[in-house]
């Protein structure tokens, strides 16, 4: 399993803090079957929302693309996250489970 982490930083209408549970539900609503997402995590900090995207894939570049596209899609479709800027991608990590 691999983990990719993507941050959403406030801009426009997005004001932190927001509920981690609500953000998690919002991200799950944007997941497509072809994304291959197994698990998500959300951490709301004072200056950013960090989304962890866990997937079973051998291709780190594919997971990077999926994670950024997923979080961007969620930010675009959700009034809660609208105005957030998806950025500060963090490297894919291999997890042994």
Protein backbone atom coordinates (compact mmCIF):
# COMPACT_ATOMS: atom_id res chain seq x y z
CA UNK A 1 0.00 0.00 0.00
CA UNK A 2 1.20 3.53 -0.74
CA UNK A 3 0.37 6.83 0.89
CA UNK A 4 0.28 10.19 -0.86
CA UNK A 5 -0.35 13.37 1.10
CA UNK A 6 -1.80 16.55 -0.36
CA UNK A 7 -2.54 19.83 1.40
CA UNK A 8 -5.39 22.27 0.91
CA UNK A 9 -4.50 25.79 1.97
CA UNK A 10 -7.16 28.43 2.63
CA UNK A 11 -7.93 31.03 0.01
CA UNK A 12 -11.12 32.76 -0.96
CA UNK A 13 -14.09 31.39 0.99
CA UNK A 14 -12.29 28.55 2.80
CA UNK A 15 -11.78 29.44 6.44
CA UNK A 16 -10.17 27.07 8.94
CA UNK A 17 -10.89 25.30 11.17
CA UNK A 18 -13.47 23.01 9.65
CA UNK A 19 -14.68 19.61 10.82
CA UNK A 20 -12.30 16.75 9.95
CA UNK A 21 -15.27 14.38 9.65
CA UNK A 22 -17.04 16.66 7.19
CA UNK A 23 -13.90 17.09 5.10
CA UNK A 24 -13.34 13.32 5.10
CA UNK A 25 -16.92 12.73 3.87
CA UNK A 26 -16.41 15.39 1.20
CA UNK A 27 -13.21 13.76 -0.07
CA UNK A 28 -14.85 10.30 -0.11
CA UNK A 29 -17.73 11.73 -2.16
CA UNK A 30 -15.21 12.71 -4.85
CA UNK A 31 -13.54 9.28 -5.09
CA UNK A 32 -14.05 7.49 -8.40
CA UNK A 33 -13.82 3.68 -8.72
CA UNK A 34 -10.83 3.98 -11.05
CA UNK A 35 -8.92 5.96 -8.40
CA UNK A 36 -8.24 2.72 -6.52
CA UNK A 37 -8.42 4.45 -3.14
CA UNK A 38 -8.46 2.09 -0.16
CA UNK A 39 -8.43 4.56 2.72
CA UNK A 40 -8.39 8.32 3.38
CA UNK A 41 -7.24 10.38 6.32
CA UNK A 42 -7.81 14.05 7.04
CA UNK A 43 -6.05 16.32 9.48
CA UNK A 44 -7.21 19.92 9.88
CA UNK A 45 -4.43 22.19 11.11
CA UNK A 46 -4.43 25.93 11.72
CA UNK A 47 -3.07 26.79 8.28
CA UNK A 48 -3.92 23.79 6.09
CA UNK A 49 -5.90 20.61 5.63
CA UNK A 50 -3.71 17.55 5.06
CA UNK A 51 -5.33 14.70 3.14
CA UNK A 52 -3.74 11.26 3.12
CA UNK A 53 -4.69 9.06 0.18
CA UNK A 54 -3.91 5.36 0.65
CA UNK A 55 -4.02 3.08 -2.38
CA UNK A 56 -2.77 -0.30 -3.46
CA UNK A 57 -0.63 0.58 -6.44
CA UNK A 58 2.93 -0.02 -7.53
CA UNK A 59 3.19 3.20 -9.48
CA UNK A 60 4.12 6.22 -7.34
CA UNK A 61 3.52 8.68 -10.19
CA UNK A 62 0.01 7.31 -10.76
CA UNK A 63 -0.81 7.67 -7.07
CA UNK A 64 0.54 11.23 -7.09
CA UNK A 65 -1.76 12.10 -9.99
CA UNK A 66 -4.76 10.35 -8.40
CA UNK A 67 -4.22 12.12 -5.06
CA UNK A 68 -3.91 15.59 -6.56
CA UNK A 69 -6.84 15.04 -8.94
CA UNK A 70 -9.02 13.63 -6.15
CA UNK A 71 -8.39 16.48 -3.73
CA UNK A 72 -8.79 19.07 -6.50
CA UNK A 73 -12.08 17.46 -7.57
CA UNK A 74 -13.36 17.52 -3.98
CA UNK A 75 -12.34 21.17 -3.55
CA UNK A 76 -14.15 22.13 -6.76
CA UNK A 77 -17.40 20.27 -5.97
CA UNK A 78 -17.75 21.21 -2.32
CA UNK A 79 -19.00 24.58 -1.09
CA UNK A 80 -17.08 23.88 2.13
CA UNK A 81 -13.71 23.53 0.38
CA UNK A 82 -14.33 25.87 -2.53
CA UNK A 83 -11.69 28.52 -2.58
CA UNK A 84 -9.04 26.24 -1.11
CA UNK A 85 -5.85 25.88 -3.09
CA UNK A 86 -4.59 22.34 -3.51
CA UNK A 87 -0.87 22.42 -3.10
CA UNK A 88 2.15 21.27 -1.18
CA UNK A 89 2.11 17.72 -2.42
CA UNK A 90 4.16 15.45 -0.21
CA UNK A 91 5.97 12.42 -1.57
CA UNK A 92 4.44 9.01 -1.87
CA UNK A 93 5.51 6.66 0.91
CA UNK A 94 5.52 2.87 0.78
CA UNK A 95 3.71 1.24 3.65
CA UNK A 96 4.18 -2.37 4.61
CA UNK A 97 0.93 -3.77 5.96
